[in-house]
Amino acid sequence: YSSTDFIHWTNHGVIFTQPFDANRIDVIYNKLTNKYVMILKYNGNGAHFGVATADKPDGQFTFKSQTLVDNALMGDSSVFVDDDGKAYLCYVSWAVGTNAQHGIYRLSDDYTELDKRMYLWDIRGREAPHIFKKDGLYYYGTSKTAGIQSSDTAYYTAKNLEGPWTPAKPLDTPGSKN
């Protein structure tokens, strides 16, 4: 779907199909290759880092590859593109147990491969990682592992994606206990 006003939507149909489960999908535009790159949690709940590309944001996307992250399955993930155009994968690693570690990987210049791990936390029982940046400060957030139930969000801050990162702080939500 696409919209210019968030009220009226155009259905563009199915833009990607695969015989395996795929979720936690992000699509980012790569200015160097003029391609739209789909990053996805591919083939399971504990899954692979999957990549598909297309010439247009409404597809059709072509599956390119799947890989383990540091020889391990991953849980939830998201993608962040920094001001300099570099892209990063935020992921939950299953290397030492389900949802036991969180990491940040810089992607290759074409966004289709893992390039360098920037940071790794031992954070147990948390999922839904995400990064954003405001006024030169990076924020890395997670929620508790609670399925579809709401849970509190904790966040860390750093001036560099390689750290050091602050200890976790709760993200207060007005009118809510979580």
N, C-alpha and C. Protein backbone atom coordinates (compact mmCIF):
# COMPACT_ATOMS: atom_id res chain seq x y z
N TYR A 1 0.84 -1.18 0.00
CA TYR A 1 0.00 0.00 0.00
C TYR A 1 0.89 1.25 0.00
N SER A 2 0.38 2.31 -0.62
CA SER A 2 1.05 3.60 -0.56
C SER A 2 0.00 4.68 -0.34
N SER A 3 0.47 5.81 0.24
CA SER A 3 -0.43 6.91 0.51
C SER A 3 0.36 8.22 0.52
N THR A 4 -0.28 9.28 0.10
CA THR A 4 0.33 10.60 0.18
C THR A 4 -0.20 11.39 1.38
N ASP A 5 -1.25 10.85 2.04
CA ASP A 5 -1.87 11.58 3.15
C ASP A 5 -2.22 10.72 4.37
N PHE A 6 -1.90 9.44 4.36
CA PHE A 6 -2.21 8.50 5.43
C PHE A 6 -3.71 8.27 5.62
N ILE A 7 -4.51 8.76 4.69
CA ILE A 7 -5.96 8.53 4.75
C ILE A 7 -6.40 7.69 3.55
N HIS A 8 -5.94 8.04 2.37
CA HIS A 8 -6.29 7.34 1.14
C HIS A 8 -5.12 6.45 0.72
N TRP A 9 -5.41 5.17 0.52
CA TRP A 9 -4.35 4.19 0.27
C TRP A 9 -4.56 3.48 -1.07
N THR A 10 -3.45 3.16 -1.73
CA THR A 10 -3.48 2.40 -2.98
C THR A 10 -2.84 1.04 -2.74
N ASN A 11 -3.57 0.00 -3.10
CA ASN A 11 -3.06 -1.36 -2.97
C ASN A 11 -2.23 -1.69 -4.20
N HIS A 12 -0.97 -2.06 -4.00
CA HIS A 12 -0.07 -2.43 -5.10
C HIS A 12 0.06 -3.94 -5.24
N GLY A 13 -0.71 -4.68 -4.48
CA GLY A 13 -0.66 -6.14 -4.57
C GLY A 13 0.51 -6.71 -3.78
N VAL A 14 0.72 -8.00 -3.95
CA VAL A 14 1.79 -8.71 -3.25
C VAL A 14 3.12 -8.38 -3.94
N ILE A 15 4.09 -7.91 -3.17
CA ILE A 15 5.37 -7.51 -3.77
C ILE A 15 6.50 -8.48 -3.47
N PHE A 16 6.22 -9.49 -2.62
CA PHE A 16 7.26 -10.47 -2.28
C PHE A 16 6.60 -11.73 -1.75
N THR A 17 6.94 -12.86 -2.32
CA THR A 17 6.43 -14.14 -1.82
C THR A 17 7.60 -15.11 -1.68
N GLN A 18 7.51 -15.95 -0.67
CA GLN A 18 8.50 -16.98 -0.41
C GLN A 18 7.80 -18.17 0.22
N PRO A 19 8.37 -19.36 0.07
CA PRO A 19 7.75 -20.54 0.69
C PRO A 19 8.01 -20.64 2.19
N PHE A 20 8.86 -19.74 2.73
CA PHE A 20 9.21 -19.79 4.15
C PHE A 20 8.67 -18.56 4.87
N ASP A 21 8.53 -18.68 6.18
CA ASP A 21 8.08 -17.57 7.00
C ASP A 21 9.06 -16.40 6.89
N ALA A 22 8.52 -15.20 6.74
CA ALA A 22 9.33 -13.99 6.73
C ALA A 22 8.57 -12.92 7.50
N ASN A 23 9.26 -12.25 8.42
CA ASN A 23 8.62 -11.17 9.18
C ASN A 23 9.67 -10.17 9.61
N ARG A 24 9.26 -9.18 10.40
CA ARG A 24 10.14 -8.09 10.83
C ARG A 24 10.80 -7.45 9.60
N ILE A 25 9.99 -7.12 8.63
CA ILE A 25 10.48 -6.64 7.34
C ILE A 25 10.68 -5.12 7.35
N ASP A 26 11.85 -4.71 6.88
CA ASP A 26 12.17 -3.30 6.66
C ASP A 26 12.59 -3.14 5.21
N VAL A 27 12.21 -2.04 4.58
CA VAL A 27 12.66 -1.73 3.22
C VAL A 27 13.36 -0.38 3.28
N ILE A 28 14.59 -0.34 2.77
CA ILE A 28 15.38 0.88 2.76
C ILE A 28 15.91 1.11 1.35
N TYR A 29 16.09 2.37 1.00
CA TYR A 29 16.58 2.73 -0.33
C TYR A 29 18.09 2.93 -0.27
N ASN A 30 18.80 2.32 -1.22
CA ASN A 30 20.24 2.47 -1.31
C ASN A 30 20.58 3.42 -2.46
N LYS A 31 21.09 4.59 -2.13
CA LYS A 31 21.41 5.60 -3.14
C LYS A 31 22.55 5.17 -4.06
N LEU A 32 23.48 4.35 -3.55
CA LEU A 32 24.62 3.92 -4.37
C LEU A 32 24.20 2.96 -5.49
N THR A 33 23.25 2.08 -5.20
CA THR A 33 22.83 1.07 -6.18
C THR A 33 21.50 1.40 -6.84
N ASN A 34 20.81 2.43 -6.33
CA ASN A 34 19.46 2.77 -6.80
C ASN A 34 18.50 1.59 -6.67
N LYS A 35 18.67 0.82 -5.60
CA LYS A 35 17.82 -0.34 -5.33
C LYS A 35 17.10 -0.16 -4.01
N TYR A 36 15.94 -0.75 -3.90
CA TYR A 36 15.24 -0.88 -2.64
C TYR A 36 15.65 -2.22 -2.06
N VAL A 37 16.08 -2.21 -0.81
CA VAL A 37 16.60 -3.42 -0.18
C VAL A 37 15.66 -3.80 0.96
N MET A 38 15.14 -5.01 0.89
CA MET A 38 14.27 -5.55 1.92
C MET A 38 15.12 -6.41 2.85
N ILE A 39 15.12 -6.04 4.12
CA ILE A 39 15.80 -6.82 5.16
C ILE A 39 14.72 -7.54 5.94
N LEU A 40 14.88 -8.84 6.15
CA LEU A 40 13.83 -9.58 6.82
C LEU A 40 14.38 -10.68 7.71
N LYS A 41 13.62 -10.99 8.72
CA LYS A 41 13.84 -12.16 9.56
C LYS A 41 13.25 -13.32 8.75
N TYR A 42 14.10 -14.24 8.31
CA TYR A 42 13.71 -15.18 7.28
C TYR A 42 13.82 -16.64 7.73
N ASN A 43 12.75 -17.38 7.50
CA ASN A 43 12.72 -18.82 7.68
C ASN A 43 12.72 -19.26 9.13
N GLY A 44 11.73 -18.79 9.89
CA GLY A 44 11.54 -19.29 11.24
C GLY A 44 11.44 -18.21 12.29
N ASN A 45 11.11 -18.63 13.53
CA ASN A 45 11.07 -17.70 14.65
C ASN A 45 12.49 -17.34 15.05
N GLY A 46 13.33 -18.36 15.27
CA GLY A 46 14.77 -18.17 15.30
C GLY A 46 15.16 -18.26 13.84
N ALA A 47 15.63 -17.18 13.26
CA ALA A 47 15.66 -17.08 11.80
C ALA A 47 17.02 -16.62 11.28
N HIS A 48 17.07 -16.51 9.96
CA HIS A 48 18.24 -16.01 9.25
C HIS A 48 18.05 -14.53 8.90
N PHE A 49 19.14 -13.86 8.65
CA PHE A 49 19.15 -12.52 8.09
C PHE A 49 18.89 -12.72 6.60
N GLY A 50 17.74 -12.23 6.12
CA GLY A 50 17.38 -12.40 4.72
C GLY A 50 17.40 -11.08 3.98
N VAL A 51 17.66 -11.15 2.67
CA VAL A 51 17.74 -9.95 1.84
C VAL A 51 17.03 -10.19 0.51
N ALA A 52 16.25 -9.20 0.09
CA ALA A 52 15.63 -9.18 -1.24
C ALA A 52 15.79 -7.76 -1.78
N THR A 53 15.79 -7.60 -3.10
CA THR A 53 15.95 -6.27 -3.69
C THR A 53 14.92 -6.05 -4.79
N ALA A 54 14.69 -4.76 -5.09
CA ALA A 54 13.78 -4.38 -6.17
C ALA A 54 14.19 -3.01 -6.70
N ASP A 55 13.74 -2.70 -7.90
CA ASP A 55 14.00 -1.40 -8.50
C ASP A 55 13.02 -0.33 -8.05
N LYS A 56 11.86 -0.77 -7.54
CA LYS A 56 10.81 0.15 -7.08
C LYS A 56 10.36 -0.29 -5.69
N PRO A 57 9.86 0.63 -4.88
CA PRO A 57 9.43 0.24 -3.54
C PRO A 57 8.24 -0.70 -3.53
N ASP A 58 7.46 -0.71 -4.61
CA ASP A 58 6.31 -1.61 -4.66
C ASP A 58 6.60 -2.87 -5.47
N GLY A 59 7.90 -3.23 -5.55
CA GLY A 59 8.32 -4.53 -6.07
C GLY A 59 8.32 -4.66 -7.56
N GLN A 60 8.39 -5.85 -7.95
CA GLN A 60 8.53 -7.12 -7.28
C GLN A 60 9.95 -7.27 -6.71
N PHE A 61 10.02 -7.78 -5.45
CA PHE A 61 11.30 -8.01 -4.81
C PHE A 61 11.80 -9.39 -5.17
N THR A 62 13.10 -9.48 -5.40
CA THR A 62 13.77 -10.74 -5.72
C THR A 62 14.63 -11.15 -4.54
N PHE A 63 14.41 -12.37 -4.06
CA PHE A 63 15.18 -12.87 -2.92
C PHE A 63 16.63 -13.05 -3.34
N LYS A 64 17.57 -12.56 -2.51
CA LYS A 64 19.00 -12.63 -2.82
C LYS A 64 19.75 -13.63 -1.96
N SER A 65 19.51 -13.59 -0.64
CA SER A 65 20.31 -14.44 0.23
C SER A 65 19.72 -14.54 1.63
N GLN A 66 20.20 -15.56 2.33
CA GLN A 66 19.92 -15.70 3.75
C GLN A 66 21.21 -16.16 4.41
N THR A 67 21.44 -15.68 5.61
CA THR A 67 22.65 -16.06 6.33
C THR A 67 22.40 -16.01 7.82
N LEU A 68 23.17 -16.77 8.56
CA LEU A 68 23.15 -16.68 10.00
C LEU A 68 23.91 -15.42 10.41
N VAL A 69 23.64 -14.93 11.60
CA VAL A 69 24.36 -13.77 12.13
C VAL A 69 25.34 -14.29 13.18
N ASP A 70 26.64 -14.17 12.89
CA ASP A 70 27.69 -14.75 13.76
C ASP A 70 27.43 -16.24 14.01
N ASN A 71 27.07 -16.96 12.94
CA ASN A 71 26.82 -18.41 12.99
C ASN A 71 25.68 -18.79 13.92
N ALA A 72 24.73 -17.89 14.12
CA ALA A 72 23.59 -18.17 14.99
C ALA A 72 22.31 -17.62 14.39
N LEU A 73 21.19 -18.19 14.82
CA LEU A 73 19.89 -17.66 14.44
C LEU A 73 19.67 -16.33 15.13
N MET A 74 18.76 -15.54 14.58
CA MET A 74 18.41 -14.28 15.22
C MET A 74 16.91 -14.26 15.48
N GLY A 75 16.53 -13.43 16.44
CA GLY A 75 15.13 -13.17 16.73
C GLY A 75 14.72 -11.89 16.03
N ASP A 76 14.01 -11.03 16.75
CA ASP A 76 13.53 -9.78 16.17
C ASP A 76 14.69 -8.94 15.63
N SER A 77 14.34 -8.09 14.67
CA SER A 77 15.35 -7.22 14.08
C SER A 77 14.68 -5.96 13.54
N SER A 78 15.51 -4.97 13.26
CA SER A 78 15.08 -3.77 12.56
C SER A 78 16.31 -3.16 11.90
N VAL A 79 16.08 -2.16 11.06
CA VAL A 79 17.18 -1.53 10.32
C VAL A 79 17.15 -0.03 10.56
N PHE A 80 18.33 0.55 10.64
CA PHE A 80 18.50 1.99 10.84
C PHE A 80 19.47 2.51 9.78
N VAL A 81 19.13 3.61 9.12
CA VAL A 81 20.03 4.26 8.17
C VAL A 81 20.48 5.58 8.79
N ASP A 82 21.78 5.74 8.93
CA ASP A 82 22.35 6.92 9.57
C ASP A 82 22.45 8.07 8.58
N ASP A 83 22.80 9.25 9.09
CA ASP A 83 22.89 10.46 8.27
C ASP A 83 23.88 10.33 7.11
N ASP A 84 24.91 9.51 7.28
CA ASP A 84 25.92 9.33 6.23
C ASP A 84 25.53 8.26 5.20
N GLY A 85 24.32 7.69 5.32
CA GLY A 85 23.86 6.68 4.38
C GLY A 85 24.24 5.26 4.74
N LYS A 86 25.03 5.07 5.79
CA LYS A 86 25.37 3.71 6.23
C LYS A 86 24.14 3.10 6.91
N ALA A 87 23.93 1.81 6.66
CA ALA A 87 22.78 1.11 7.23
C ALA A 87 23.25 0.12 8.29
N TYR A 88 22.39 -0.10 9.29
CA TYR A 88 22.72 -0.96 10.43
C TYR A 88 21.56 -1.89 10.74
N LEU A 89 21.90 -3.12 11.05
CA LEU A 89 20.93 -4.11 11.52
C LEU A 89 20.96 -4.16 13.03
N CYS A 90 19.81 -3.95 13.68
CA CYS A 90 19.65 -4.20 15.11
C CYS A 90 19.04 -5.59 15.20
N TYR A 91 19.59 -6.44 16.03
CA TYR A 91 19.08 -7.82 16.05
C TYR A 91 19.18 -8.42 17.44
N VAL A 92 18.34 -9.41 17.67
CA VAL A 92 18.39 -10.21 18.88
C VAL A 92 19.07 -11.52 18.51
N SER A 93 20.19 -11.79 19.15
CA SER A 93 20.97 -12.99 18.84
C SER A 93 20.53 -14.18 19.68
N TRP A 94 20.50 -15.34 19.05
CA TRP A 94 20.20 -16.59 19.76
C TRP A 94 21.47 -17.43 19.92
N ALA A 95 22.65 -16.82 19.81
CA ALA A 95 23.91 -17.55 19.86
C ALA A 95 24.12 -18.27 21.20
N VAL A 96 23.70 -17.65 22.31
CA VAL A 96 23.89 -18.26 23.63
C VAL A 96 22.57 -18.55 24.32
N GLY A 97 21.47 -18.53 23.56
CA GLY A 97 20.14 -18.80 24.10
C GLY A 97 19.12 -17.90 23.44
N THR A 98 17.85 -18.30 23.52
CA THR A 98 16.78 -17.53 22.91
C THR A 98 16.69 -16.14 23.54
N ASN A 99 16.75 -15.12 22.68
CA ASN A 99 16.66 -13.71 23.12
C ASN A 99 17.66 -13.38 24.22
N ALA A 100 18.88 -13.89 24.11
CA ALA A 100 19.87 -13.71 25.18
C ALA A 100 20.84 -12.57 24.93
N GLN A 101 21.02 -12.17 23.68
CA GLN A 101 21.94 -11.08 23.37
C GLN A 101 21.31 -10.17 22.33
N HIS A 102 21.77 -8.93 22.29
CA HIS A 102 21.35 -7.96 21.29
C HIS A 102 22.59 -7.41 20.62
N GLY A 103 22.49 -7.09 19.34
CA GLY A 103 23.64 -6.55 18.66
C GLY A 103 23.28 -5.54 17.58
N ILE A 104 24.32 -4.87 17.13
CA ILE A 104 24.22 -3.93 16.01
C ILE A 104 25.28 -4.32 15.00
N TYR A 105 24.89 -4.52 13.76
CA TYR A 105 25.81 -4.81 12.67
C TYR A 105 25.72 -3.71 11.63
N ARG A 106 26.87 -3.23 11.16
CA ARG A 106 26.88 -2.35 10.00
C ARG A 106 26.72 -3.24 8.78
N LEU A 107 25.90 -2.79 7.82
CA LEU A 107 25.70 -3.53 6.58
C LEU A 107 26.71 -3.08 5.54
N SER A 108 26.91 -3.90 4.52
CA SER A 108 27.79 -3.55 3.41
C SER A 108 27.24 -2.30 2.71
N ASP A 109 28.06 -1.69 1.87
CA ASP A 109 27.64 -0.46 1.19
C ASP A 109 26.38 -0.65 0.35
N ASP A 110 26.16 -1.87 -0.18
CA ASP A 110 24.95 -2.11 -0.96
C ASP A 110 23.79 -2.62 -0.11
N TYR A 111 24.00 -2.73 1.21
CA TYR A 111 23.01 -3.13 2.22
C TYR A 111 22.61 -4.60 2.13
N THR A 112 23.32 -5.43 1.40
CA THR A 112 22.89 -6.81 1.20
C THR A 112 23.66 -7.83 2.03
N GLU A 113 24.70 -7.40 2.75
CA GLU A 113 25.50 -8.32 3.55
C GLU A 113 25.87 -7.67 4.88
N LEU A 114 26.17 -8.53 5.85
CA LEU A 114 26.68 -8.06 7.13
C LEU A 114 28.14 -7.68 6.95
N ASP A 115 28.54 -6.51 7.44
CA ASP A 115 29.91 -6.05 7.27
C ASP A 115 30.71 -6.14 8.57
N LYS A 116 30.25 -5.44 9.63
CA LYS A 116 31.01 -5.40 10.87
C LYS A 116 30.06 -5.29 12.05
N ARG A 117 30.29 -6.16 13.04
CA ARG A 117 29.51 -6.03 14.27
C ARG A 117 30.03 -4.82 15.02
N MET A 118 29.11 -3.92 15.38
CA MET A 118 29.47 -2.68 16.06
C MET A 118 29.41 -2.82 17.58
N TYR A 119 28.43 -3.61 18.06
CA TYR A 119 28.25 -3.73 19.50
C TYR A 119 27.43 -4.98 19.80
N LEU A 120 27.67 -5.57 20.97
CA LEU A 120 26.91 -6.74 21.42
C LEU A 120 26.64 -6.61 22.91
N TRP A 121 25.37 -6.71 23.29
CA TRP A 121 24.94 -6.68 24.68
C TRP A 121 24.53 -8.07 25.13
N ASP A 122 24.69 -8.36 26.41
CA ASP A 122 24.04 -9.51 27.03
C ASP A 122 22.79 -8.97 27.70
N ILE A 123 21.67 -9.05 26.97
CA ILE A 123 20.38 -8.57 27.46
C ILE A 123 19.40 -9.73 27.33
N ARG A 124 18.99 -10.30 28.42
CA ARG A 124 18.10 -11.47 28.37
C ARG A 124 16.64 -11.04 28.51
N GLY A 125 15.76 -11.79 27.84
CA GLY A 125 14.33 -11.58 28.00
C GLY A 125 13.79 -10.30 27.39
N ARG A 126 14.48 -9.77 26.38
CA ARG A 126 14.00 -8.56 25.72
C ARG A 126 14.01 -8.79 24.21
N GLU A 127 13.18 -8.03 23.50
CA GLU A 127 13.06 -8.19 22.06
C GLU A 127 12.70 -6.85 21.42
N ALA A 128 12.31 -6.88 20.14
CA ALA A 128 11.87 -5.70 19.40
C ALA A 128 12.91 -4.57 19.41
N PRO A 129 14.15 -4.85 19.00
CA PRO A 129 15.18 -3.82 19.03
C PRO A 129 14.96 -2.75 17.97
N HIS A 130 15.37 -1.54 18.29
CA HIS A 130 15.26 -0.44 17.33
C HIS A 130 16.25 0.66 17.70
N ILE A 131 16.67 1.41 16.69
CA ILE A 131 17.58 2.53 16.89
C ILE A 131 16.96 3.76 16.26
N PHE A 132 17.15 4.89 16.93
CA PHE A 132 16.92 6.17 16.28
C PHE A 132 17.97 7.14 16.80
N LYS A 133 18.06 8.28 16.14
CA LYS A 133 19.08 9.26 16.47
C LYS A 133 18.44 10.63 16.54
N LYS A 134 18.78 11.37 17.59
CA LYS A 134 18.28 12.74 17.74
C LYS A 134 19.40 13.60 18.30
N ASP A 135 19.65 14.72 17.64
CA ASP A 135 20.67 15.67 18.08
C ASP A 135 22.03 14.99 18.32
N GLY A 136 22.40 14.07 17.42
CA GLY A 136 23.70 13.41 17.49
C GLY A 136 23.81 12.30 18.51
N LEU A 137 22.72 11.96 19.19
CA LEU A 137 22.72 10.91 20.20
C LEU A 137 21.91 9.72 19.68
N TYR A 138 22.50 8.51 19.77
CA TYR A 138 21.82 7.29 19.35
C TYR A 138 21.02 6.73 20.51
N TYR A 139 19.84 6.22 20.21
CA TYR A 139 18.98 5.57 21.18
C TYR A 139 18.73 4.14 20.70
N TYR A 140 19.00 3.17 21.58
CA TYR A 140 18.73 1.77 21.26
C TYR A 140 17.66 1.31 22.24
N GLY A 141 16.51 0.87 21.72
CA GLY A 141 15.40 0.49 22.57
C GLY A 141 15.02 -0.97 22.42
N THR A 142 14.44 -1.52 23.49
CA THR A 142 13.92 -2.89 23.47
C THR A 142 12.68 -2.95 24.35
N SER A 143 11.86 -3.96 24.08
CA SER A 143 10.73 -4.24 24.96
C SER A 143 10.99 -5.58 25.66
N LYS A 144 10.19 -5.88 26.69
CA LYS A 144 10.30 -7.20 27.31
C LYS A 144 9.80 -8.25 26.33
N THR A 145 10.29 -9.46 26.46
CA THR A 145 9.78 -10.56 25.65
C THR A 145 8.43 -10.95 26.23
N ALA A 146 7.36 -10.51 25.53
CA ALA A 146 6.01 -10.72 26.06
C ALA A 146 5.02 -11.07 24.96
N GLY A 147 5.53 -11.56 23.82
CA GLY A 147 4.62 -11.89 22.72
C GLY A 147 3.90 -10.65 22.25
N ILE A 148 2.56 -10.74 22.15
CA ILE A 148 1.79 -9.58 21.69
C ILE A 148 1.30 -8.71 22.84
N GLN A 149 1.64 -9.08 24.08
CA GLN A 149 1.24 -8.27 25.23
C GLN A 149 2.12 -7.03 25.31
N SER A 150 1.55 -5.91 25.72
CA SER A 150 2.37 -4.71 25.88
C SER A 150 3.33 -4.90 27.04
N SER A 151 4.46 -4.23 26.94
CA SER A 151 5.45 -4.29 28.01
C SER A 151 6.26 -3.01 28.01
N ASP A 152 6.99 -2.80 29.10
CA ASP A 152 7.78 -1.58 29.19
C ASP A 152 8.93 -1.60 28.19
N THR A 153 9.31 -0.42 27.77
CA THR A 153 10.44 -0.25 26.86
C THR A 153 11.60 0.32 27.65
N ALA A 154 12.77 -0.23 27.42
CA ALA A 154 13.99 0.31 28.01
C ALA A 154 14.86 0.82 26.87
N TYR A 155 15.69 1.82 27.16
CA TYR A 155 16.56 2.34 26.12
C TYR A 155 17.95 2.66 26.67
N TYR A 156 18.89 2.65 25.78
CA TYR A 156 20.29 2.96 26.05
C TYR A 156 20.66 4.13 25.14
N THR A 157 21.66 4.92 25.51
CA THR A 157 22.11 6.00 24.64
C THR A 157 23.62 5.94 24.48
N ALA A 158 24.09 6.45 23.33
CA ALA A 158 25.53 6.53 23.05
C ALA A 158 25.77 7.59 21.99
N LYS A 159 26.96 8.13 21.97
CA LYS A 159 27.34 9.09 20.94
C LYS A 159 27.95 8.40 19.73
N ASN A 160 28.25 7.10 19.87
CA ASN A 160 28.83 6.31 18.80
C ASN A 160 28.19 4.93 18.85
N LEU A 161 27.90 4.34 17.70
CA LEU A 161 27.25 3.02 17.69
C LEU A 161 28.14 1.93 18.27
N GLU A 162 29.44 2.18 18.35
CA GLU A 162 30.35 1.21 18.96
C GLU A 162 30.44 1.38 20.48
N GLY A 163 29.65 2.34 21.01
CA GLY A 163 29.62 2.57 22.44
C GLY A 163 30.67 3.59 22.85
N PRO A 164 30.78 3.82 24.14
CA PRO A 164 30.06 3.13 25.22
C PRO A 164 28.59 3.54 25.27
N TRP A 165 27.75 2.59 25.71
CA TRP A 165 26.32 2.81 25.87
C TRP A 165 26.00 2.98 27.35
N THR A 166 25.04 3.82 27.65
CA THR A 166 24.60 4.01 29.03
C THR A 166 23.89 2.76 29.52
N PRO A 167 23.73 2.60 30.82
CA PRO A 167 22.85 1.54 31.32
C PRO A 167 21.42 1.78 30.85
N ALA A 168 20.61 0.74 30.87
CA ALA A 168 19.22 0.84 30.43
C ALA A 168 18.44 1.81 31.31
N LYS A 169 17.56 2.56 30.64
CA LYS A 169 16.66 3.50 31.33
C LYS A 169 15.24 3.18 30.88
N PRO A 170 14.24 3.31 31.76
CA PRO A 170 12.86 3.07 31.33
C PRO A 170 12.36 4.23 30.46
N LEU A 171 11.58 3.91 29.45
CA LEU A 171 10.95 4.92 28.61
C LEU A 171 9.54 5.12 29.15
N ASP A 172 9.31 6.24 29.77
CA ASP A 172 8.01 6.53 30.34
C ASP A 172 7.00 6.83 29.26
N THR A 173 5.81 6.27 29.40
CA THR A 173 4.71 6.50 28.49
C THR A 173 3.58 7.15 29.28
N PRO A 174 3.28 8.41 29.02
CA PRO A 174 2.23 9.08 29.80
C PRO A 174 0.90 8.31 29.74
N GLY A 175 0.30 8.14 30.90
CA GLY A 175 -0.98 7.46 30.99
C GLY A 175 -0.92 5.95 30.98
N SER A 176 0.28 5.37 31.02
CA SER A 176 0.43 3.92 30.98
C SER A 176 1.45 3.46 32.00
N LYS A 177 1.26 2.24 32.48
CA LYS A 177 2.23 1.65 33.40
C LYS A 177 3.32 0.92 32.64
N ASN A 178 3.11 0.74 31.33
CA ASN A 178 4.16 0.13 30.53
C ASN A 178 4.18 0.80 29.16
